Amino acid sequence: MLPTNSAEEPEKQRSLKPSDPLFITQKGGPYSPNTLQEHMALMLRGWAGIEKASSHSGRRSVITNVIHKQKKSVKVAQKIAGHVNPSTTLIYEEPPEEQISDALKSL
């Protein structure tokens, strides 16, 4: 049950359901996925100064970190990402350019 202030009538109280939208527009409806992507990209670019940011940047960063910096298996990353097909997660196993350069310098 959502908390209410004392002036609110009991019939205006409502329980949240798992199907309820996480973000509500000023008009009271759910945001469209495209609008949320645009807002996220604007925040990452404007507030965090990440020029080529997208709504997927954070997700990609976490999965890549798990595989490359934490040295966890792709199977672990797959579970974290919620991918059904492991081939979807294999995309994140691609080594960063700096690792390729370092490997070539060591030859």
C-alpha atoms as a PDB file:
ATOM      1  CA  MET A   1       0.000   0.000   0.000  1.00  0.00           C
ATOM      2  CA  LEU A   2       1.328   3.438  -0.844  1.00  0.00           C
ATOM      3  CA  PRO A   3       1.664   5.864   2.069  1.00  0.00           C
ATOM      4  CA  THR A   4      -0.924   8.600   2.109  1.00  0.00           C
ATOM      5  CA  ASN A   5      -1.075  11.977   3.714  1.00  0.00           C
ATOM      6  CA  SER A   6      -3.909  12.603   6.160  1.00  0.00           C
ATOM      7  CA  ALA A   7      -5.825  14.796   3.688  1.00  0.00           C
ATOM      8  CA  GLU A   8      -6.021  12.019   1.094  1.00  0.00           C
ATOM      9  CA  GLU A   9      -9.233  10.041   0.960  1.00  0.00           C
ATOM     10  CA  PRO A  10      -8.968   6.259   1.498  1.00  0.00           C
ATOM     11  CA  GLU A  11     -10.544   5.472  -1.889  1.00  0.00           C
ATOM     12  CA  LYS A  12      -7.594   7.215  -3.588  1.00  0.00           C
ATOM     13  CA  GLN A  13      -5.137   4.786  -1.986  1.00  0.00           C
ATOM     14  CA  ARG A  14      -4.061   1.943  -4.210  1.00  0.00           C
ATOM     15  CA  SER A  15      -1.790  -1.050  -4.108  1.00  0.00           C
ATOM     16  CA  LEU A  16       1.066  -1.333  -6.553  1.00  0.00           C
ATOM     17  CA  LYS A  17       1.039  -4.314  -8.884  1.00  0.00           C
ATOM     18  CA  PRO A  18       4.065  -5.827 -10.653  1.00  0.00           C
ATOM     19  CA  SER A  19       2.495  -4.760 -13.940  1.00  0.00           C
ATOM     20  CA  ASP A  20       2.364  -1.062 -12.945  1.00  0.00           C
ATOM     21  CA  PRO A  21       4.761   1.238 -14.848  1.00  0.00           C
ATOM     22  CA  LEU A  22       7.972   2.148 -13.049  1.00  0.00           C
ATOM     23  CA  PHE A  23       7.972   5.712 -14.384  1.00  0.00           C
ATOM     24  CA  ILE A  24       4.816   7.799 -14.785  1.00  0.00           C
ATOM     25  CA  THR A  25       4.506  10.844 -17.061  1.00  0.00           C
ATOM     26  CA  GLN A  26       3.065  14.143 -15.873  1.00  0.00           C
ATOM     27  CA  LYS A  27      -0.205  13.044 -17.432  1.00  0.00           C
ATOM     28  CA  GLY A  28      -0.254   9.912 -15.261  1.00  0.00           C
ATOM     29  CA  GLY A  29       0.480   7.366 -17.975  1.00  0.00           C
ATOM     30  CA  PRO A  30       3.537   5.198 -18.583  1.00  0.00           C
ATOM     31  CA  TYR A  31       6.528   6.480 -20.522  1.00  0.00           C
ATOM     32  CA  SER A  32       7.122   4.890 -23.904  1.00  0.00           C
ATOM     33  CA  PRO A  33      10.378   2.929 -24.232  1.00  0.00           C
ATOM     34  CA  ASN A  34      11.635   5.410 -26.859  1.00  0.00           C
ATOM     35  CA  THR A  35      11.041   8.391 -24.583  1.00  0.00           C
ATOM     36  CA  LEU A  36      12.867   6.691 -21.716  1.00  0.00           C
ATOM     37  CA  GLN A  37      15.804   5.929 -24.028  1.00  0.00           C
ATOM     38  CA  GLU A  38      15.952   9.562 -25.129  1.00  0.00           C
ATOM     39  CA  HIS A  39      15.842  10.837 -21.539  1.00  0.00           C
ATOM     40  CA  MET A  40      18.568   8.413 -20.424  1.00  0.00           C
ATOM     41  CA  ALA A  41      20.840   9.382 -23.327  1.00  0.00           C
ATOM     42  CA  LEU A  42      20.327  13.083 -22.593  1.00  0.00           C
ATOM     43  CA  MET A  43      21.175  12.576 -18.916  1.00  0.00           C
ATOM     44  CA  LEU A  44      24.314  10.583 -19.681  1.00  0.00           C
ATOM     45  CA  ARG A  45      25.484  13.113 -22.264  1.00  0.00           C
ATOM     46  CA  GLY A  46      24.474  16.297 -20.444  1.00  0.00           C
ATOM     47  CA  TRP A  47      24.999  15.400 -16.795  1.00  0.00           C
ATOM     48  CA  ALA A  48      27.763  12.822 -16.970  1.00  0.00           C
ATOM     49  CA  GLY A  49      29.536  14.236 -20.022  1.00  0.00           C
ATOM     50  CA  ILE A  50      29.565  10.890 -21.820  1.00  0.00           C
ATOM     51  CA  GLU A  51      29.393  11.945 -25.461  1.00  0.00           C
ATOM     52  CA  LYS A  52      28.468   8.698 -27.173  1.00  0.00           C
ATOM     53  CA  ALA A  53      26.141   7.509 -24.412  1.00  0.00           C
ATOM     54  CA  SER A  54      22.942   5.629 -24.982  1.00  0.00           C
ATOM     55  CA  SER A  55      20.346   4.004 -22.778  1.00  0.00           C
ATOM     56  CA  HIS A  56      22.259   0.747 -23.250  1.00  0.00           C
ATOM     57  CA  SER A  57      25.636   2.163 -22.131  1.00  0.00           C
ATOM     58  CA  GLY A  58      25.257   1.292 -18.460  1.00  0.00           C
ATOM     59  CA  ARG A  59      24.103  -2.239 -19.161  1.00  0.00           C
ATOM     60  CA  ARG A  60      26.944  -2.794 -21.612  1.00  0.00           C
ATOM     61  CA  SER A  61      29.433  -1.385 -19.105  1.00  0.00           C
ATOM     62  CA  VAL A  62      28.305  -3.749 -16.331  1.00  0.00           C
ATOM     63  CA  ILE A  63      28.358  -6.871 -18.516  1.00  0.00           C
ATOM     64  CA  THR A  64      31.734  -5.973 -20.041  1.00  0.00           C
ATOM     65  CA  ASN A  65      33.144  -5.286 -16.566  1.00  0.00           C
ATOM     66  CA  VAL A  66      31.981  -8.692 -15.305  1.00  0.00           C
ATOM     67  CA  ILE A  67      33.694 -10.478 -18.206  1.00  0.00           C
ATOM     68  CA  HIS A  68      36.899  -8.447 -18.640  1.00  0.00           C
ATOM     69  CA  LYS A  69      37.728  -6.842 -15.288  1.00  0.00           C
ATOM     70  CA  GLN A  70      36.208  -9.340 -12.867  1.00  0.00           C
ATOM     71  CA  LYS A  71      37.288 -12.245 -15.120  1.00  0.00           C
ATOM     72  CA  LYS A  72      33.951 -14.038 -14.632  1.00  0.00           C
ATOM     73  CA  SER A  73      32.666 -16.521 -17.178  1.00  0.00           C
ATOM     74  CA  VAL A  74      30.318 -15.579 -19.974  1.00  0.00           C
ATOM     75  CA  LYS A  75      27.792 -17.869 -18.270  1.00  0.00           C
ATOM     76  CA  VAL A  76      27.874 -15.633 -15.155  1.00  0.00           C
ATOM     77  CA  ALA A  77      27.462 -12.532 -17.323  1.00  0.00           C
ATOM     78  CA  GLN A  78      24.594 -14.232 -19.165  1.00  0.00           C
ATOM     79  CA  LYS A  79      22.750 -14.814 -15.877  1.00  0.00           C
ATOM     80  CA  ILE A  80      23.303 -11.213 -14.774  1.00  0.00           C
ATOM     81  CA  ALA A  81      22.101  -9.871 -18.128  1.00  0.00           C
ATOM     82  CA  GLY A  82      19.111 -12.181 -18.230  1.00  0.00           C
ATOM     83  CA  HIS A  83      19.969 -13.420 -21.705  1.00  0.00           C
ATOM     84  CA  VAL A  84      18.282 -16.674 -22.664  1.00  0.00           C
ATOM     85  CA  ASN A  85      20.697 -17.394 -25.498  1.00  0.00           C
ATOM     86  CA  PRO A  86      24.431 -17.428 -24.608  1.00  0.00           C
ATOM     87  CA  SER A  87      25.319 -16.146 -28.076  1.00  0.00           C
ATOM     88  CA  THR A  88      23.704 -12.818 -27.118  1.00  0.00           C
ATOM     89  CA  THR A  89      26.166 -12.479 -24.234  1.00  0.00           C
ATOM     90  CA  LEU A  90      29.176 -13.507 -26.345  1.00  0.00           C
ATOM     91  CA  ILE A  91      28.991 -10.113 -28.052  1.00  0.00           C
ATOM     92  CA  TYR A  92      30.303  -8.589 -24.791  1.00  0.00           C
ATOM     93  CA  GLU A  93      33.277 -10.958 -24.717  1.00  0.00           C
ATOM     94  CA  GLU A  94      34.874  -9.023 -27.586  1.00  0.00           C
ATOM     95  CA  PRO A  95      38.114  -7.685 -26.109  1.00  0.00           C
ATOM     96  CA  PRO A  96      38.554  -3.927 -25.817  1.00  0.00           C
ATOM     97  CA  GLU A  97      40.981  -2.333 -28.297  1.00  0.00           C
ATOM     98  CA  GLU A  98      43.442  -1.528 -25.492  1.00  0.00           C
ATOM     99  CA  GLN A  99      43.772  -5.251 -24.635  1.00  0.00           C
ATOM    100  CA  ILE A 100      44.439  -6.087 -28.274  1.00  0.00           C
ATOM    101  CA  SER A 101      47.089  -3.338 -28.484  1.00  0.00           C
ATOM    102  CA  ASP A 102      48.717  -4.524 -25.250  1.00  0.00           C
ATOM    103  CA  ALA A 103      48.851  -8.099 -26.522  1.00  0.00           C
ATOM    104  CA  LEU A 104      50.514  -6.987 -29.775  1.00  0.00           C
ATOM    105  CA  LYS A 105      53.081  -4.851 -27.908  1.00  0.00           C
ATOM    106  CA  SER A 106      54.106  -7.900 -25.883  1.00  0.00           C
ATOM    107  CA  LEU A 107      55.116  -9.864 -28.973  1.00  0.00           C
END
